[in-house]
C-alpha atoms as a PDB file:
ATOM      1  CA  UNK A   1     -45.464 -53.485  26.555  1.00  0.00           C
ATOM      2  CA  UNK A   2     -43.585 -56.142  24.691  1.00  0.00           C
ATOM      3  CA  UNK A   3     -44.520 -54.651  21.416  1.00  0.00           C
ATOM      4  CA  UNK A   4     -43.397 -51.168  22.522  1.00  0.00           C
ATOM      5  CA  UNK A   5     -40.077 -52.647  23.684  1.00  0.00           C
ATOM      6  CA  UNK A   6     -39.606 -54.457  20.393  1.00  0.00           C
ATOM      7  CA  UNK A   7     -40.247 -51.194  18.557  1.00  0.00           C
ATOM      8  CA  UNK A   8     -37.877 -49.258  20.655  1.00  0.00           C
ATOM      9  CA  UNK A   9     -35.188 -51.908  20.226  1.00  0.00           C
ATOM     10  CA  UNK A  10     -35.648 -51.845  16.489  1.00  0.00           C
ATOM     11  CA  UNK A  11     -35.409 -48.008  16.401  1.00  0.00           C
ATOM     12  CA  UNK A  12     -32.198 -48.064  18.423  1.00  0.00           C
ATOM     13  CA  UNK A  13     -30.683 -50.622  15.991  1.00  0.00           C
ATOM     14  CA  UNK A  14     -31.653 -48.424  12.995  1.00  0.00           C
ATOM     15  CA  UNK A  15     -30.169 -45.420  14.587  1.00  0.00           C
ATOM     16  CA  UNK A  16     -26.950 -47.274  15.356  1.00  0.00           C
ATOM     17  CA  UNK A  17     -26.602 -48.601  11.895  1.00  0.00           C
ATOM     18  CA  UNK A  18     -27.478 -45.405  10.003  1.00  0.00           C
ATOM     19  CA  UNK A  19     -24.694 -42.752   9.439  1.00  0.00           C
ATOM     20  CA  UNK A  20     -25.171 -39.600  11.473  1.00  0.00           C
ATOM     21  CA  UNK A  21     -27.203 -36.922   9.841  1.00  0.00           C
ATOM     22  CA  UNK A  22     -24.734 -34.313  10.865  1.00  0.00           C
ATOM     23  CA  UNK A  23     -21.841 -36.268   9.288  1.00  0.00           C
ATOM     24  CA  UNK A  24     -23.797 -36.481   5.985  1.00  0.00           C
ATOM     25  CA  UNK A  25     -24.243 -32.719   5.891  1.00  0.00           C
ATOM     26  CA  UNK A  26     -20.834 -31.768   7.186  1.00  0.00           C
ATOM     27  CA  UNK A  27     -18.955 -29.373   4.914  1.00  0.00           C
ATOM     28  CA  UNK A  28     -15.711 -30.668   3.349  1.00  0.00           C
ATOM     29  CA  UNK A  29     -12.967 -29.082   5.431  1.00  0.00           C
ATOM     30  CA  UNK A  30     -10.072 -27.690   3.315  1.00  0.00           C
ATOM     31  CA  UNK A  31      -6.977 -26.086   4.606  1.00  0.00           C
ATOM     32  CA  UNK A  32      -4.493 -23.899   2.740  1.00  0.00           C
ATOM     33  CA  UNK A  33      -1.721 -21.372   3.530  1.00  0.00           C
ATOM     34  CA  UNK A  34      -0.614 -17.866   2.832  1.00  0.00           C
ATOM     35  CA  UNK A  35       0.412 -17.924  -0.855  1.00  0.00           C
ATOM     36  CA  UNK A  36      -0.318 -14.597  -2.584  1.00  0.00           C
ATOM     37  CA  UNK A  37      -1.928 -14.004  -5.003  1.00  0.00           C
ATOM     38  CA  UNK A  38      -3.392 -17.484  -4.953  1.00  0.00           C
ATOM     39  CA  UNK A  39      -4.484 -17.704  -1.344  1.00  0.00           C
ATOM     40  CA  UNK A  40      -4.515 -14.754   1.062  1.00  0.00           C
ATOM     41  CA  UNK A  41      -6.443 -13.594   4.076  1.00  0.00           C
ATOM     42  CA  UNK A  42      -7.219  -9.973   4.978  1.00  0.00           C
ATOM     43  CA  UNK A  43      -7.103  -8.493   8.488  1.00  0.00           C
ATOM     44  CA  UNK A  44     -10.565  -9.879   9.241  1.00  0.00           C
ATOM     45  CA  UNK A  45      -9.611 -13.318   8.163  1.00  0.00           C
ATOM     46  CA  UNK A  46     -11.547 -13.205   4.875  1.00  0.00           C
ATOM     47  CA  UNK A  47     -10.005 -15.463   2.279  1.00  0.00           C
ATOM     48  CA  UNK A  48      -9.512 -14.465  -1.313  1.00  0.00           C
ATOM     49  CA  UNK A  49      -7.281 -15.199  -4.297  1.00  0.00           C
ATOM     50  CA  UNK A  50      -7.208 -17.106  -7.616  1.00  0.00           C
ATOM     51  CA  UNK A  51      -7.163 -20.576  -6.011  1.00  0.00           C
ATOM     52  CA  UNK A  52      -9.850 -19.715  -3.472  1.00  0.00           C
ATOM     53  CA  UNK A  53     -12.115 -18.846  -6.429  1.00  0.00           C
ATOM     54  CA  UNK A  54     -11.158 -21.982  -8.390  1.00  0.00           C
ATOM     55  CA  UNK A  55     -11.684 -24.367  -5.454  1.00  0.00           C
ATOM     56  CA  UNK A  56     -14.919 -22.702  -4.365  1.00  0.00           C
ATOM     57  CA  UNK A  57     -16.306 -23.017  -7.870  1.00  0.00           C
ATOM     58  CA  UNK A  58     -15.266 -26.682  -8.221  1.00  0.00           C
ATOM     59  CA  UNK A  59     -17.061 -27.684  -5.041  1.00  0.00           C
ATOM     60  CA  UNK A  60     -20.150 -25.592  -5.994  1.00  0.00           C
ATOM     61  CA  UNK A  61     -20.263 -27.673  -9.237  1.00  0.00           C
ATOM     62  CA  UNK A  62     -19.966 -30.843  -7.111  1.00  0.00           C
ATOM     63  CA  UNK A  63     -22.913 -29.676  -4.943  1.00  0.00           C
ATOM     64  CA  UNK A  64     -20.775 -30.020  -1.908  1.00  0.00           C
ATOM     65  CA  UNK A  65     -20.638 -27.514   0.978  1.00  0.00           C
ATOM     66  CA  UNK A  66     -17.025 -26.489   1.720  1.00  0.00           C
ATOM     67  CA  UNK A  67     -15.168 -24.814   4.478  1.00  0.00           C
ATOM     68  CA  UNK A  68     -11.713 -23.242   3.718  1.00  0.00           C
ATOM     69  CA  UNK A  69      -9.301 -22.350   6.510  1.00  0.00           C
ATOM     70  CA  UNK A  70      -5.803 -20.801   6.346  1.00  0.00           C
ATOM     71  CA  UNK A  71      -2.913 -22.044   8.484  1.00  0.00           C
ATOM     72  CA  UNK A  72       0.859 -22.297   8.254  1.00  0.00           C
ATOM     73  CA  UNK A  73       1.989 -24.828   5.672  1.00  0.00           C
ATOM     74  CA  UNK A  74       3.306 -27.452   8.076  1.00  0.00           C
ATOM     75  CA  UNK A  75       0.111 -27.315  10.194  1.00  0.00           C
ATOM     76  CA  UNK A  76      -1.927 -27.911   7.035  1.00  0.00           C
ATOM     77  CA  UNK A  77       0.034 -31.056   6.329  1.00  0.00           C
ATOM     78  CA  UNK A  78      -0.370 -32.230   9.924  1.00  0.00           C
ATOM     79  CA  UNK A  79      -4.091 -31.656   9.830  1.00  0.00           C
ATOM     80  CA  UNK A  80      -4.521 -33.661   6.632  1.00  0.00           C
ATOM     81  CA  UNK A  81      -2.255 -36.462   8.005  1.00  0.00           C
ATOM     82  CA  UNK A  82      -4.365 -36.651  11.187  1.00  0.00           C
ATOM     83  CA  UNK A  83      -7.651 -36.507   9.405  1.00  0.00           C
ATOM     84  CA  UNK A  84      -8.650 -33.243  10.990  1.00  0.00           C
ATOM     85  CA  UNK A  85      -8.884 -31.694   7.483  1.00  0.00           C
ATOM     86  CA  UNK A  86     -10.227 -33.492   4.409  1.00  0.00           C
ATOM     87  CA  UNK A  87      -7.717 -31.901   1.995  1.00  0.00           C
ATOM     88  CA  UNK A  88      -5.304 -29.064   1.432  1.00  0.00           C
ATOM     89  CA  UNK A  89      -4.210 -27.056  -1.553  1.00  0.00           C
ATOM     90  CA  UNK A  90      -2.125 -26.265  -3.487  1.00  0.00           C
ATOM     91  CA  UNK A  91       0.635 -28.860  -3.257  1.00  0.00           C
ATOM     92  CA  UNK A  92       2.858 -30.804  -5.571  1.00  0.00           C
ATOM     93  CA  UNK A  93       2.715 -34.553  -6.026  1.00  0.00           C
ATOM     94  CA  UNK A  94       5.816 -36.448  -4.845  1.00  0.00           C
ATOM     95  CA  UNK A  95       6.429 -40.156  -4.375  1.00  0.00           C
ATOM     96  CA  UNK A  96       6.528 -39.684  -0.655  1.00  0.00           C
ATOM     97  CA  UNK A  97       3.189 -37.817  -0.568  1.00  0.00           C
ATOM     98  CA  UNK A  98       1.575 -40.166  -2.942  1.00  0.00           C
ATOM     99  CA  UNK A  99       2.257 -42.953  -0.431  1.00  0.00           C
ATOM    100  CA  UNK A 100       0.528 -41.101   2.350  1.00  0.00           C
ATOM    101  CA  UNK A 101      -2.230 -39.129   0.634  1.00  0.00           C
ATOM    102  CA  UNK A 102      -4.694 -39.233  -2.273  1.00  0.00           C
ATOM    103  CA  UNK A 103      -4.373 -36.986  -5.357  1.00  0.00           C
ATOM    104  CA  UNK A 104      -6.870 -36.244  -8.084  1.00  0.00           C
ATOM    105  CA  UNK A 105      -5.703 -36.626 -11.704  1.00  0.00           C
ATOM    106  CA  UNK A 106      -6.438 -32.939 -12.508  1.00  0.00           C
ATOM    107  CA  UNK A 107      -3.838 -30.288 -11.438  1.00  0.00           C
ATOM    108  CA  UNK A 108      -5.200 -26.992 -10.175  1.00  0.00           C
ATOM    109  CA  UNK A 109      -2.222 -24.737 -10.747  1.00  0.00           C
ATOM    110  CA  UNK A 110       0.906 -24.517 -12.966  1.00  0.00           C
ATOM    111  CA  UNK A 111       3.835 -22.397 -11.691  1.00  0.00           C
ATOM    112  CA  UNK A 112       7.213 -21.340 -12.833  1.00  0.00           C
ATOM    113  CA  UNK A 113       9.846 -21.636 -10.092  1.00  0.00           C
ATOM    114  CA  UNK A 114      12.733 -19.131 -10.114  1.00  0.00           C
ATOM    115  CA  UNK A 115      15.485 -17.806  -7.933  1.00  0.00           C
ATOM    116  CA  UNK A 116      15.117 -14.309  -6.539  1.00  0.00           C
ATOM    117  CA  UNK A 117      18.281 -12.458  -5.453  1.00  0.00           C
ATOM    118  CA  UNK A 118      19.012  -8.958  -4.292  1.00  0.00           C
ATOM    119  CA  UNK A 119      19.062  -6.404  -7.027  1.00  0.00           C
ATOM    120  CA  UNK A 120      22.679  -5.611  -6.518  1.00  0.00           C
ATOM    121  CA  UNK A 121      23.768  -9.293  -6.334  1.00  0.00           C
ATOM    122  CA  UNK A 122      26.289 -10.664  -8.799  1.00  0.00           C
ATOM    123  CA  UNK A 123      24.678 -14.112  -8.629  1.00  0.00           C
ATOM    124  CA  UNK A 124      23.236 -15.297 -11.962  1.00  0.00           C
ATOM    125  CA  UNK A 125      21.405 -18.589 -12.470  1.00  0.00           C
ATOM    126  CA  UNK A 126      22.389 -19.886 -15.945  1.00  0.00           C
ATOM    127  CA  UNK A 127      20.091 -22.891 -15.972  1.00  0.00           C
ATOM    128  CA  UNK A 128      22.315 -25.419 -14.136  1.00  0.00           C
ATOM    129  CA  UNK A 129      21.555 -25.965 -10.409  1.00  0.00           C
ATOM    130  CA  UNK A 130      25.252 -26.539  -9.657  1.00  0.00           C
ATOM    131  CA  UNK A 131      25.585 -22.704 -10.446  1.00  0.00           C
ATOM    132  CA  UNK A 132      24.045 -22.176  -6.943  1.00  0.00           C
ATOM    133  CA  UNK A 133      25.692 -25.166  -5.148  1.00  0.00           C
ATOM    134  CA  UNK A 134      27.445 -22.939  -2.612  1.00  0.00           C
ATOM    135  CA  UNK A 135      24.783 -20.198  -2.391  1.00  0.00           C
ATOM    136  CA  UNK A 136      22.702 -19.835   0.739  1.00  0.00           C
ATOM    137  CA  UNK A 137      19.197 -20.515  -0.605  1.00  0.00           C
ATOM    138  CA  UNK A 138      16.039 -19.777   1.366  1.00  0.00           C
ATOM    139  CA  UNK A 139      13.526 -22.578   1.253  1.00  0.00           C
ATOM    140  CA  UNK A 140      10.249 -23.288   3.126  1.00  0.00           C
ATOM    141  CA  UNK A 141      10.073 -26.319   5.407  1.00  0.00           C
ATOM    142  CA  UNK A 142       8.360 -29.488   3.959  1.00  0.00           C
ATOM    143  CA  UNK A 143       7.898 -27.749   0.583  1.00  0.00           C
ATOM    144  CA  UNK A 144       8.530 -29.291  -2.910  1.00  0.00           C
ATOM    145  CA  UNK A 145       9.854 -27.022  -5.636  1.00  0.00           C
ATOM    146  CA  UNK A 146       9.384 -29.600  -8.386  1.00  0.00           C
ATOM    147  CA  UNK A 147      11.244 -32.807  -9.313  1.00  0.00           C
ATOM    148  CA  UNK A 148      14.363 -31.213 -10.638  1.00  0.00           C
ATOM    149  CA  UNK A 149      15.119 -29.072  -7.598  1.00  0.00           C
ATOM    150  CA  UNK A 150      13.961 -31.822  -5.177  1.00  0.00           C
ATOM    151  CA  UNK A 151      16.252 -34.351  -6.730  1.00  0.00           C
ATOM    152  CA  UNK A 152      19.229 -31.931  -6.509  1.00  0.00           C
ATOM    153  CA  UNK A 153      18.478 -31.434  -2.780  1.00  0.00           C
ATOM    154  CA  UNK A 154      18.361 -35.219  -2.246  1.00  0.00           C
ATOM    155  CA  UNK A 155      21.670 -35.607  -4.090  1.00  0.00           C
ATOM    156  CA  UNK A 156      23.316 -33.042  -1.868  1.00  0.00           C
ATOM    157  CA  UNK A 157      23.905 -30.498  -4.552  1.00  0.00           C
ATOM    158  CA  UNK A 158      23.201 -27.529  -2.353  1.00  0.00           C
ATOM    159  CA  UNK A 159      25.497 -26.996   0.642  1.00  0.00           C
ATOM    160  CA  UNK A 160      23.703 -24.083   2.272  1.00  0.00           C
ATOM    161  CA  UNK A 161      19.882 -24.433   2.269  1.00  0.00           C
ATOM    162  CA  UNK A 162      18.221 -22.207   4.847  1.00  0.00           C
ATOM    163  CA  UNK A 163      14.823 -23.313   6.032  1.00  0.00           C
ATOM    164  CA  UNK A 164      11.982 -20.907   7.033  1.00  0.00           C
ATOM    165  CA  UNK A 165       8.407 -21.458   8.160  1.00  0.00           C
ATOM    166  CA  UNK A 166       6.905 -19.386   5.268  1.00  0.00           C
ATOM    167  CA  UNK A 167       7.814 -17.441   2.147  1.00  0.00           C
ATOM    168  CA  UNK A 168       7.656 -13.991   3.624  1.00  0.00           C
ATOM    169  CA  UNK A 169      10.282 -14.879   6.217  1.00  0.00           C
ATOM    170  CA  UNK A 170      12.585 -16.074   3.347  1.00  0.00           C
ATOM    171  CA  UNK A 171      12.270 -12.738   1.656  1.00  0.00           C
ATOM    172  CA  UNK A 172      12.854 -10.785   4.849  1.00  0.00           C
ATOM    173  CA  UNK A 173      16.087 -12.835   5.221  1.00  0.00           C
ATOM    174  CA  UNK A 174      17.051 -12.071   1.618  1.00  0.00           C
ATOM    175  CA  UNK A 175      16.534  -8.326   2.139  1.00  0.00           C
ATOM    176  CA  UNK A 176      18.881  -8.143   5.100  1.00  0.00           C
ATOM    177  CA  UNK A 177      21.448 -10.529   3.621  1.00  0.00           C
ATOM    178  CA  UNK A 178      20.840 -13.598   5.734  1.00  0.00           C
ATOM    179  CA  UNK A 179      20.329 -15.615   2.556  1.00  0.00           C
ATOM    180  CA  UNK A 180      21.588 -14.987  -0.960  1.00  0.00           C
ATOM    181  CA  UNK A 181      18.695 -16.364  -2.980  1.00  0.00           C
ATOM    182  CA  UNK A 182      15.161 -17.546  -2.581  1.00  0.00           C
ATOM    183  CA  UNK A 183      13.497 -20.132  -4.720  1.00  0.00           C
ATOM    184  CA  UNK A 184       9.710 -19.659  -5.190  1.00  0.00           C
ATOM    185  CA  UNK A 185       6.975 -19.459  -7.794  1.00  0.00           C
ATOM    186  CA  UNK A 186       7.621 -16.284  -9.732  1.00  0.00           C
ATOM    187  CA  UNK A 187       4.155 -14.914  -9.345  1.00  0.00           C
ATOM    188  CA  UNK A 188       4.137 -15.624  -5.644  1.00  0.00           C
ATOM    189  CA  UNK A 189       7.527 -14.053  -5.213  1.00  0.00           C
ATOM    190  CA  UNK A 190       6.416 -10.914  -7.008  1.00  0.00           C
ATOM    191  CA  UNK A 191       3.362 -10.679  -4.771  1.00  0.00           C
ATOM    192  CA  UNK A 192       5.349 -11.030  -1.636  1.00  0.00           C
ATOM    193  CA  UNK A 193       7.964  -8.442  -2.505  1.00  0.00           C
ATOM    194  CA  UNK A 194       5.180  -6.067  -3.401  1.00  0.00           C
ATOM    195  CA  UNK A 195       3.549  -6.725   0.079  1.00  0.00           C
ATOM    196  CA  UNK A 196       6.955  -5.878   1.562  1.00  0.00           C
ATOM    197  CA  UNK A 197       7.371  -2.799  -0.560  1.00  0.00           C
ATOM    198  CA  UNK A 198      10.607  -4.243  -1.778  1.00  0.00           C
ATOM    199  CA  UNK A 199      10.079  -4.702  -5.488  1.00  0.00           C
ATOM    200  CA  UNK A 200      13.107  -2.471  -6.352  1.00  0.00           C
ATOM    201  CA  UNK A 201      15.339  -4.408  -4.012  1.00  0.00           C
ATOM    202  CA  UNK A 202      15.124  -7.873  -5.514  1.00  0.00           C
ATOM    203  CA  UNK A 203      15.155  -9.423  -8.969  1.00  0.00           C
ATOM    204  CA  UNK A 204      14.677 -12.741 -10.689  1.00  0.00           C
ATOM    205  CA  UNK A 205      17.993 -14.422 -11.504  1.00  0.00           C
ATOM    206  CA  UNK A 206      18.099 -16.271 -14.840  1.00  0.00           C
ATOM    207  CA  UNK A 207      15.519 -18.619 -16.329  1.00  0.00           C
ATOM    208  CA  UNK A 208      12.957 -20.741 -14.475  1.00  0.00           C
ATOM    209  CA  UNK A 209      14.379 -23.708 -12.601  1.00  0.00           C
ATOM    210  CA  UNK A 210      11.267 -25.708 -13.464  1.00  0.00           C
ATOM    211  CA  UNK A 211       7.634 -25.457 -14.385  1.00  0.00           C
ATOM    212  CA  UNK A 212       5.611 -27.592 -11.996  1.00  0.00           C
ATOM    213  CA  UNK A 213       1.958 -28.497 -11.421  1.00  0.00           C
ATOM    214  CA  UNK A 214       0.189 -28.369  -8.059  1.00  0.00           C
ATOM    215  CA  UNK A 215      -2.840 -30.240  -6.819  1.00  0.00           C
ATOM    216  CA  UNK A 216      -5.495 -30.680  -4.241  1.00  0.00           C
ATOM    217  CA  UNK A 217      -4.307 -33.314  -1.733  1.00  0.00           C
ATOM    218  CA  UNK A 218      -6.864 -35.484   0.173  1.00  0.00           C
ATOM    219  CA  UNK A 219      -6.366 -37.517   3.303  1.00  0.00           C
ATOM    220  CA  UNK A 220      -6.426 -41.340   3.003  1.00  0.00           C
ATOM    221  CA  UNK A 221      -9.923 -41.646   4.467  1.00  0.00           C
ATOM    222  CA  UNK A 222     -11.466 -39.799   1.547  1.00  0.00           C
ATOM    223  CA  UNK A 223     -14.009 -41.642  -0.572  1.00  0.00           C
ATOM    224  CA  UNK A 224     -12.686 -42.160  -4.186  1.00  0.00           C
ATOM    225  CA  UNK A 225     -16.011 -40.869  -5.481  1.00  0.00           C
ATOM    226  CA  UNK A 226     -15.334 -37.384  -4.002  1.00  0.00           C
ATOM    227  CA  UNK A 227     -11.975 -37.249  -5.648  1.00  0.00           C
ATOM    228  CA  UNK A 228     -13.523 -38.339  -9.004  1.00  0.00           C
ATOM    229  CA  UNK A 229     -16.214 -35.606  -8.668  1.00  0.00           C
ATOM    230  CA  UNK A 230     -13.491 -33.065  -7.993  1.00  0.00           C
ATOM    231  CA  UNK A 231     -11.622 -34.218 -11.147  1.00  0.00           C
ATOM    232  CA  UNK A 232     -14.804 -33.853 -13.217  1.00  0.00           C
ATOM    233  CA  UNK A 233     -15.449 -30.363 -11.840  1.00  0.00           C
ATOM    234  CA  UNK A 234     -11.912 -29.120 -12.612  1.00  0.00           C
ATOM    235  CA  UNK A 235     -12.002 -30.664 -16.104  1.00  0.00           C
ATOM    236  CA  UNK A 236     -15.364 -29.010 -16.815  1.00  0.00           C
ATOM    237  CA  UNK A 237     -14.073 -25.666 -15.656  1.00  0.00           C
ATOM    238  CA  UNK A 238     -11.070 -25.998 -17.957  1.00  0.00           C
ATOM    239  CA  UNK A 239     -13.276 -27.086 -20.912  1.00  0.00           C
ATOM    240  CA  UNK A 240     -15.871 -24.259 -20.597  1.00  0.00           C
ATOM    241  CA  UNK A 241     -13.250 -21.510 -20.086  1.00  0.00           C
ATOM    242  CA  UNK A 242     -14.030 -20.851 -16.405  1.00  0.00           C
ATOM    243  CA  UNK A 243     -10.376 -21.516 -15.298  1.00  0.00           C
ATOM    244  CA  UNK A 244      -9.153 -19.105 -17.955  1.00  0.00           C
ATOM    245  CA  UNK A 245     -11.610 -16.431 -16.895  1.00  0.00           C
ATOM    246  CA  UNK A 246     -10.597 -16.707 -13.267  1.00  0.00           C
ATOM    247  CA  UNK A 247      -6.862 -16.562 -14.141  1.00  0.00           C
ATOM    248  CA  UNK A 248      -7.479 -13.521 -16.360  1.00  0.00           C
ATOM    249  CA  UNK A 249      -9.337 -11.717 -13.615  1.00  0.00           C
ATOM    250  CA  UNK A 250      -6.171 -11.830 -11.551  1.00  0.00           C
ATOM    251  CA  UNK A 251      -3.812 -10.869 -14.248  1.00  0.00           C
ATOM    252  CA  UNK A 252      -5.440  -7.553 -14.921  1.00  0.00           C
END
């Protein structure tokens, strides 16, 4: 009896000390947001897009199971902050975010940010942000548009920023005249106006405001080894041409 009790006690101790089997096999939970053509969901909730392909391939090379879910941008941030999601993509590095989250070294996306205006608008961006100081500009809540634009916002250059929960809302406002311009990745803006059947009603005004890189962003609990593995996977995809092939597939 005593031997049996000792064996049971030892077994309980081992189970208590060992990490749960389910936790070891748990897929890495990633969250993202509607950002065509990089991340989109169809009517059945099936995700597709350039970045979905890139991230899926990266985790495949890492030998890690992954689950990708789409939510509004602000909810994605809240989920990563709370630890309910392991990471989100794509997102720009800022000093504020670097203090709260963990970033890989490798970017996953490079984008050109531009101003969209109505086709009949006289507004013309000439390369200096003060050109649009008194323009009502549509932006998305909690979003970075690159260091140059973000710094101008912080300095109070823009007097009439209009915040929306997502990019499609901004373009709907632009089309009915509630905002005069929308700042957004050029490729994403073109995809959204196509979705809205409004390609003839808007245009890009002037040159790019900035070319900025976006990243995967992990919560603070993430093991550094996982981030290092992700870096290696993205680097290998860049070196063997996989990233280029995925990008070309979406530019056809």
